[in-house]
Amino acid sequence: MSITIKSTSLSSAKPAAVSRAAAPAAAPRRDDRWSGWLFALPHFLLFLVFLLAPTLFGLYLSLHNWHVLAKHHPFVGLANYQSALSDDIFWLALRNTAYFVILAVPAGNLVSLLLALGLAGVKRFATFYKVAFYLPVVISIAVVAVLWQWLFNTQVGLLNLYLDAAVTGLRHLGLPLAPFEPIPWLSNPHMAMPSIALMSIWWGAGGNMILYLAGINNIAPDYYEAATIDGANGWQRFWAITWPLLKPTTLFCLVFSVLGAFQVFGQSYVLYGGASGPGRAALTMVLYMYQQGFSQYEIGYGAAIAYLLFAVVLMLTGIQFWLFSGRKAKD
């Protein structure tokens, strides 16, 4: 009896021992709840120090009569905003900036789209053309403005020289044209902002060109093949396929183009040496803010101008999203 009991106990204990030996040791469970926060902490600190804190401090400045040379900076509430809204020069700067946006944004995006459409079908030297058209984007605006100062020169600028040569050639062909008169690109109040817009289009068209080109390359070739089989020409393929599928890219380009255009500063500042141009025709919102804040040392007033500009840009951005979302819903 005892032998039987022992054999039974050994046989029953053996699988348990094997199962205990086969089971791996449980790894210590780590709490990973804070790992994501630790990885995001450097970016959050950069955002806090370089974006959020200056933004809040700018709002604080706009509510105070903050002058650099003053010892006390009393709280004035919305007085700086009221002063800006009743300032004729503020409204002039806003009109000039809006005029620049109207000139530069549609024309600039059209040029970028045309360049992208032209490069989409290029196979040979495609990389060279992309680099050539994108190169101005990486050049500092200060360098670009100095370069275009020479191009805009009334007497020896290349723009007037080329226009003079073109008019002379057309006159030799028998066209009844008057002799070319040099255009005062920078000294004429009516030409100041169009000149700045022309320079800005040349400077920034390559950036949106790359975005449009990426959007075009993401369109499946099957759509074009099916349209070609149905007898659609190039314009019909663009209007029925390319343009509708490029609307997200177009919205992105338009929003960021408007944001950048409302912040135009370096063009006017370098071309006119910090001045406002002839008849204040080149005075923009950011340039006026700079003049008030860093030339007149009215930091609070300059901060109020900055926040009013932010409100205008935010409103226009919302309108753009609303227009595109409405069209998308109709489609």
Protein backbone atom coordinates (compact mmCIF):
# COMPACT_ATOMS: atom_id res chain seq x y z
CA MET A 1 0.00 0.00 0.00
CA SER A 2 2.76 2.42 0.89
CA ILE A 3 4.58 1.73 -2.36
CA THR A 4 1.45 2.48 -4.32
CA ILE A 5 0.92 5.71 -2.50
CA LYS A 6 4.49 6.79 -3.12
CA SER A 7 4.31 6.01 -6.83
CA THR A 8 1.07 7.92 -7.09
CA SER A 9 2.49 10.95 -5.34
CA LEU A 10 5.56 10.94 -7.53
CA SER A 11 3.53 10.66 -10.70
CA SER A 12 1.21 13.46 -9.62
CA ALA A 13 4.05 15.73 -8.56
CA LYS A 14 6.04 15.30 -11.76
CA PRO A 15 3.73 17.28 -14.13
CA ALA A 16 3.50 20.11 -11.62
CA ALA A 17 7.26 20.36 -11.45
CA VAL A 18 7.49 20.31 -15.22
CA SER A 19 4.83 23.02 -15.53
CA ARG A 20 6.61 25.17 -12.97
CA ALA A 21 9.88 24.74 -14.82
CA ALA A 22 8.32 25.55 -18.19
CA ALA A 23 6.59 28.75 -17.01
CA PRO A 24 8.89 31.76 -17.63
CA ALA A 25 9.61 34.10 -14.83
CA ALA A 26 7.23 37.07 -14.95
CA ALA A 27 9.07 40.22 -16.00
CA PRO A 28 8.69 43.15 -13.68
CA ARG A 29 5.87 45.32 -15.00
CA ARG A 30 6.98 48.82 -15.83
CA ASP A 31 4.73 51.84 -15.64
CA ASP A 32 4.97 53.46 -19.10
CA ARG A 33 2.37 56.11 -18.44
CA TRP A 34 5.00 58.83 -18.12
CA SER A 35 7.23 57.77 -21.02
CA GLY A 36 5.22 59.70 -23.62
CA TRP A 37 5.23 62.81 -21.47
CA LEU A 38 8.98 62.57 -21.00
CA PHE A 39 9.53 62.38 -24.76
CA ALA A 40 7.18 65.33 -25.35
CA LEU A 41 8.65 67.42 -22.54
CA PRO A 42 11.49 69.04 -24.60
CA HIS A 43 9.07 70.08 -27.33
CA PHE A 44 6.58 71.37 -24.78
CA LEU A 45 9.30 73.42 -23.08
CA LEU A 46 10.34 74.93 -26.42
CA PHE A 47 6.70 75.73 -27.19
CA LEU A 48 6.26 77.26 -23.75
CA VAL A 49 9.42 79.37 -23.82
CA PHE A 50 9.47 80.54 -27.43
CA LEU A 51 5.78 80.69 -28.37
CA LEU A 52 3.26 80.62 -25.56
CA ALA A 53 5.15 82.81 -23.08
CA PRO A 54 5.96 85.57 -25.64
CA THR A 55 2.37 85.48 -26.88
CA LEU A 56 0.94 85.95 -23.41
CA PHE A 57 3.55 88.59 -22.57
CA GLY A 58 2.65 90.44 -25.77
CA LEU A 59 -0.99 90.45 -24.69
CA TYR A 60 0.11 91.81 -21.31
CA LEU A 61 2.11 94.56 -23.03
CA SER A 62 -0.83 95.56 -25.20
CA LEU A 63 -2.88 96.28 -22.08
CA HIS A 64 -0.27 98.62 -20.61
CA ASN A 65 1.23 101.96 -21.54
CA TRP A 66 4.62 100.36 -21.95
CA HIS A 67 7.38 102.72 -23.01
CA VAL A 68 10.99 101.57 -22.98
CA LEU A 69 12.30 104.74 -21.36
CA ALA A 70 9.55 104.98 -18.72
CA LYS A 71 9.99 103.62 -15.22
CA HIS A 72 6.32 102.86 -14.69
CA HIS A 73 4.00 101.07 -17.09
CA PRO A 74 0.42 101.74 -16.00
CA PHE A 75 -2.44 99.47 -16.96
CA VAL A 76 -4.60 101.11 -19.63
CA GLY A 77 -6.91 98.26 -20.62
CA LEU A 78 -8.08 98.53 -24.22
CA ALA A 79 -6.82 102.09 -24.70
CA ASN A 80 -4.03 100.97 -27.04
CA TYR A 81 -6.55 99.10 -29.19
CA GLN A 82 -8.86 102.11 -29.27
CA SER A 83 -5.95 104.34 -30.27
CA ALA A 84 -5.00 101.98 -33.09
CA LEU A 85 -8.55 101.75 -34.41
CA SER A 86 -8.80 105.54 -34.45
CA ASP A 87 -5.36 105.96 -36.05
CA ASP A 88 -5.51 106.88 -39.75
CA ILE A 89 -2.01 105.53 -40.34
CA PHE A 90 -3.06 102.16 -38.90
CA TRP A 91 -5.88 101.91 -41.43
CA LEU A 92 -3.54 103.01 -44.20
CA ALA A 93 -1.11 100.25 -43.25
CA LEU A 94 -3.97 97.74 -43.18
CA ARG A 95 -5.15 98.84 -46.65
CA ASN A 96 -1.61 98.59 -48.01
CA THR A 97 -1.23 95.12 -46.53
CA ALA A 98 -4.58 93.98 -47.92
CA TYR A 99 -3.59 95.39 -51.32
CA PHE A 100 -0.37 93.39 -51.16
CA VAL A 101 -2.28 90.23 -50.26
CA ILE A 102 -4.66 90.74 -53.19
CA LEU A 103 -1.74 91.25 -55.57
CA ALA A 104 0.62 88.57 -54.31
CA VAL A 105 -1.48 85.62 -53.11
CA PRO A 106 -3.66 84.82 -56.17
CA ALA A 107 -0.92 85.61 -58.69
CA GLY A 108 1.71 83.77 -56.67
CA ASN A 109 -0.40 80.63 -56.35
CA LEU A 110 -1.28 80.77 -60.04
CA VAL A 111 2.40 80.97 -60.97
CA SER A 112 3.19 78.09 -58.61
CA LEU A 113 0.40 75.95 -60.06
CA LEU A 114 1.48 76.65 -63.65
CA LEU A 115 5.07 75.75 -62.81
CA ALA A 116 3.93 72.53 -61.15
CA LEU A 117 1.75 71.59 -64.13
CA GLY A 118 4.65 72.27 -66.46
CA LEU A 119 7.11 70.21 -64.43
CA ALA A 120 4.67 67.33 -63.89
CA GLY A 121 5.21 66.13 -67.44
CA VAL A 122 8.95 66.78 -67.57
CA LYS A 123 11.14 63.68 -67.44
CA ARG A 124 14.52 64.99 -68.53
CA PHE A 125 16.36 67.40 -66.23
CA ALA A 126 13.32 67.45 -63.92
CA THR A 127 15.49 67.68 -60.80
CA PHE A 128 17.44 70.59 -62.26
CA TYR A 129 14.27 72.56 -62.97
CA LYS A 130 12.86 71.86 -59.52
CA VAL A 131 16.03 73.07 -57.83
CA ALA A 132 16.23 76.12 -60.11
CA PHE A 133 12.67 77.23 -59.35
CA TYR A 134 12.93 76.43 -55.66
CA LEU A 135 16.31 78.10 -55.12
CA PRO A 136 14.96 81.64 -54.47
CA VAL A 137 12.95 80.33 -51.51
CA VAL A 138 16.09 79.50 -49.53
CA ILE A 139 17.66 82.91 -50.14
CA SER A 140 17.31 85.48 -47.37
CA ILE A 141 14.75 88.19 -48.07
CA ALA A 142 17.42 90.79 -47.33
CA VAL A 143 19.55 89.43 -50.18
CA VAL A 144 16.52 89.20 -52.47
CA ALA A 145 15.51 92.79 -51.73
CA VAL A 146 19.01 94.12 -52.43
CA LEU A 147 19.06 92.20 -55.72
CA TRP A 148 15.69 93.60 -56.77
CA GLN A 149 16.75 97.12 -55.83
CA TRP A 150 19.13 96.92 -58.78
CA LEU A 151 16.49 95.37 -61.01
CA PHE A 152 14.04 98.16 -60.10
CA ASN A 153 16.55 100.96 -60.66
CA THR A 154 14.93 103.55 -62.91
CA GLN A 155 18.01 104.32 -65.02
CA VAL A 156 20.10 101.15 -65.13
CA GLY A 157 17.70 98.48 -63.84
CA LEU A 158 17.30 95.37 -65.97
CA LEU A 159 13.51 95.58 -65.92
CA ASN A 160 13.46 98.96 -67.62
CA LEU A 161 16.24 97.95 -70.00
CA TYR A 162 14.33 94.85 -71.12
CA LEU A 163 11.07 96.78 -71.47
CA ASP A 164 12.87 99.46 -73.48
CA ALA A 165 14.34 96.82 -75.78
CA ALA A 166 10.92 95.18 -76.20
CA VAL A 167 9.18 98.46 -77.05
CA THR A 168 11.95 99.42 -79.46
CA GLY A 169 11.66 96.08 -81.23
CA LEU A 170 7.90 96.41 -81.57
CA ARG A 171 8.29 99.92 -82.98
CA HIS A 172 10.74 98.60 -85.57
CA LEU A 173 8.06 96.11 -86.60
CA GLY A 174 5.78 99.03 -87.41
CA LEU A 175 3.58 99.14 -84.34
CA PRO A 176 2.50 102.70 -83.44
CA LEU A 177 4.03 102.79 -79.95
CA ALA A 178 5.42 105.79 -78.13
CA PRO A 179 9.06 105.72 -77.02
CA PHE A 180 9.53 103.88 -73.75
CA GLU A 181 9.68 106.02 -70.63
CA PRO A 182 11.56 104.48 -67.68
CA ILE A 183 9.18 103.29 -64.99
CA PRO A 184 9.92 104.60 -61.47
CA TRP A 185 9.21 101.28 -59.81
CA LEU A 186 10.10 102.27 -56.26
CA SER A 187 9.64 106.05 -56.28
CA ASN A 188 6.10 106.10 -57.68
CA PRO A 189 3.42 105.62 -54.98
CA HIS A 190 1.24 103.68 -57.43
CA MET A 191 4.07 101.28 -58.32
CA ALA A 192 5.55 100.69 -54.86
CA MET A 193 3.27 97.88 -53.69
CA PRO A 194 3.01 96.15 -57.11
CA SER A 195 6.82 96.15 -57.21
CA ILE A 196 6.99 94.56 -53.76
CA ALA A 197 4.38 91.99 -54.82
CA LEU A 198 6.32 91.15 -57.99
CA MET A 199 9.49 90.58 -55.99
CA SER A 200 7.62 88.47 -53.42
CA ILE A 201 6.07 86.26 -56.11
CA TRP A 202 9.51 85.57 -57.58
CA TRP A 203 10.85 84.84 -54.12
CA GLY A 204 8.14 82.46 -52.89
CA ALA A 205 6.61 80.79 -55.96
CA GLY A 206 8.96 77.82 -55.74
CA GLY A 207 7.71 76.78 -52.30
CA ASN A 208 4.09 76.35 -53.31
CA MET A 209 5.24 74.85 -56.61
CA ILE A 210 6.71 71.89 -54.71
CA LEU A 211 3.45 71.42 -52.80
CA TYR A 212 1.33 71.56 -55.95
CA LEU A 213 3.72 69.17 -57.68
CA ALA A 214 3.43 66.71 -54.81
CA GLY A 215 -0.36 66.93 -55.01
CA ILE A 216 -0.33 66.31 -58.76
CA ASN A 217 1.97 63.31 -58.40
CA ASN A 218 -0.40 61.79 -55.83
CA ILE A 219 -3.25 61.69 -58.36
CA ALA A 220 -3.67 58.17 -59.73
CA PRO A 221 -2.81 57.93 -63.46
CA ASP A 222 -5.87 55.73 -63.98
CA TYR A 223 -8.11 58.81 -63.83
CA TYR A 224 -6.26 60.45 -66.70
CA GLU A 225 -6.18 57.24 -68.73
CA ALA A 226 -9.93 56.80 -68.37
CA ALA A 227 -10.55 60.44 -69.29
CA THR A 228 -8.30 60.14 -72.34
CA ILE A 229 -10.20 57.06 -73.49
CA ASP A 230 -13.43 59.05 -73.15
CA GLY A 231 -11.96 61.72 -75.44
CA ALA A 232 -11.20 64.43 -72.87
CA ASN A 233 -8.61 67.01 -73.87
CA GLY A 234 -5.96 68.53 -71.61
CA TRP A 235 -8.15 71.35 -70.32
CA GLN A 236 -11.03 68.97 -69.58
CA ARG A 237 -8.71 66.59 -67.72
CA PHE A 238 -7.40 69.47 -65.63
CA TRP A 239 -10.83 70.88 -64.82
CA ALA A 240 -12.50 67.52 -64.08
CA ILE A 241 -9.63 65.64 -62.42
CA THR A 242 -6.60 67.70 -61.46
CA TRP A 243 -8.28 70.76 -60.01
CA PRO A 244 -10.87 68.96 -57.82
CA LEU A 245 -8.22 66.61 -56.41
CA LEU A 246 -5.87 69.54 -55.76
CA LYS A 247 -8.36 71.44 -53.61
CA PRO A 248 -6.83 70.28 -50.28
CA THR A 249 -3.40 71.34 -51.51
CA THR A 250 -4.81 74.62 -52.79
CA LEU A 251 -6.45 75.34 -49.44
CA PHE A 252 -3.18 74.66 -47.63
CA CYS A 253 -1.22 76.90 -50.00
CA LEU A 254 -3.78 79.71 -49.84
CA VAL A 255 -4.02 79.70 -46.05
CA PHE A 256 -0.28 79.81 -45.53
CA SER A 257 0.17 82.30 -48.37
CA VAL A 258 -2.31 84.66 -46.72
CA LEU A 259 -0.60 84.18 -43.36
CA GLY A 260 2.77 85.00 -44.87
CA ALA A 261 1.49 87.90 -46.97
CA PHE A 262 -0.09 89.65 -44.00
CA GLN A 263 3.28 89.43 -42.25
CA VAL A 264 5.18 91.11 -45.08
CA PHE A 265 7.99 93.13 -43.56
CA GLY A 266 11.47 92.49 -44.93
CA GLN A 267 10.58 93.53 -48.47
CA SER A 268 9.46 97.03 -47.49
CA TYR A 269 12.07 97.42 -44.78
CA VAL A 270 15.06 96.62 -46.99
CA LEU A 271 13.83 98.33 -50.17
CA TYR A 272 13.10 101.59 -48.36
CA GLY A 273 15.58 101.38 -45.50
CA GLY A 274 12.95 101.15 -42.78
CA ALA A 275 10.91 104.05 -44.17
CA SER A 276 7.32 103.86 -45.39
CA GLY A 277 7.98 104.48 -49.07
CA PRO A 278 6.65 107.33 -51.23
CA GLY A 279 3.47 108.66 -49.69
CA ARG A 280 3.57 105.77 -47.17
CA ALA A 281 2.65 103.48 -50.08
CA ALA A 282 4.95 100.71 -48.80
CA LEU A 283 3.84 100.89 -45.16
CA THR A 284 2.56 97.49 -44.03
CA MET A 285 1.06 96.36 -40.74
CA VAL A 286 4.21 94.66 -39.48
CA LEU A 287 6.40 97.56 -40.59
CA TYR A 288 4.11 100.00 -38.76
CA MET A 289 4.20 97.78 -35.69
CA TYR A 290 8.00 97.75 -35.88
CA GLN A 291 8.16 101.52 -36.24
CA GLN A 292 5.92 102.07 -33.23
CA GLY A 293 7.49 99.44 -31.04
CA PHE A 294 11.19 99.71 -31.88
CA SER A 295 11.59 103.18 -33.36
CA GLN A 296 9.13 105.13 -31.21
CA TYR A 297 9.59 102.73 -28.26
CA GLU A 298 5.82 102.47 -27.79
CA ILE A 299 5.93 98.77 -26.99
CA GLY A 300 2.35 98.55 -25.72
CA TYR A 301 0.93 100.25 -28.80
CA GLY A 302 3.00 98.04 -31.10
CA ALA A 303 1.76 94.92 -29.28
CA ALA A 304 -1.84 96.08 -29.73
CA ILE A 305 -1.23 96.45 -33.48
CA ALA A 306 0.17 92.91 -33.54
CA TYR A 307 -2.94 91.49 -31.88
CA LEU A 308 -5.24 93.39 -34.20
CA LEU A 309 -3.32 91.92 -37.12
CA PHE A 310 -3.71 88.48 -35.54
CA ALA A 311 -7.48 89.00 -35.34
CA VAL A 312 -7.67 89.99 -39.02
CA VAL A 313 -5.62 86.98 -40.15
CA LEU A 314 -7.63 84.60 -37.95
CA MET A 315 -10.89 85.91 -39.42
CA LEU A 316 -9.66 85.56 -43.01
CA THR A 317 -8.35 82.06 -42.35
CA GLY A 318 -11.75 81.03 -40.99
CA ILE A 319 -13.44 82.46 -44.07
CA GLN A 320 -11.15 80.45 -46.35
CA PHE A 321 -11.90 77.22 -44.49
CA TRP A 322 -15.62 78.00 -44.60
CA LEU A 323 -15.59 78.66 -48.34
CA PHE A 324 -13.67 75.49 -49.16
CA SER A 325 -15.75 73.33 -46.81
CA GLY A 326 -18.94 74.69 -48.39
CA ARG A 327 -17.75 73.87 -51.89
CA LYS A 328 -16.62 70.43 -50.76
CA ALA A 329 -20.07 69.74 -49.32
CA LYS A 330 -21.70 70.78 -52.61
CA ASP A 331 -19.35 68.52 -54.56
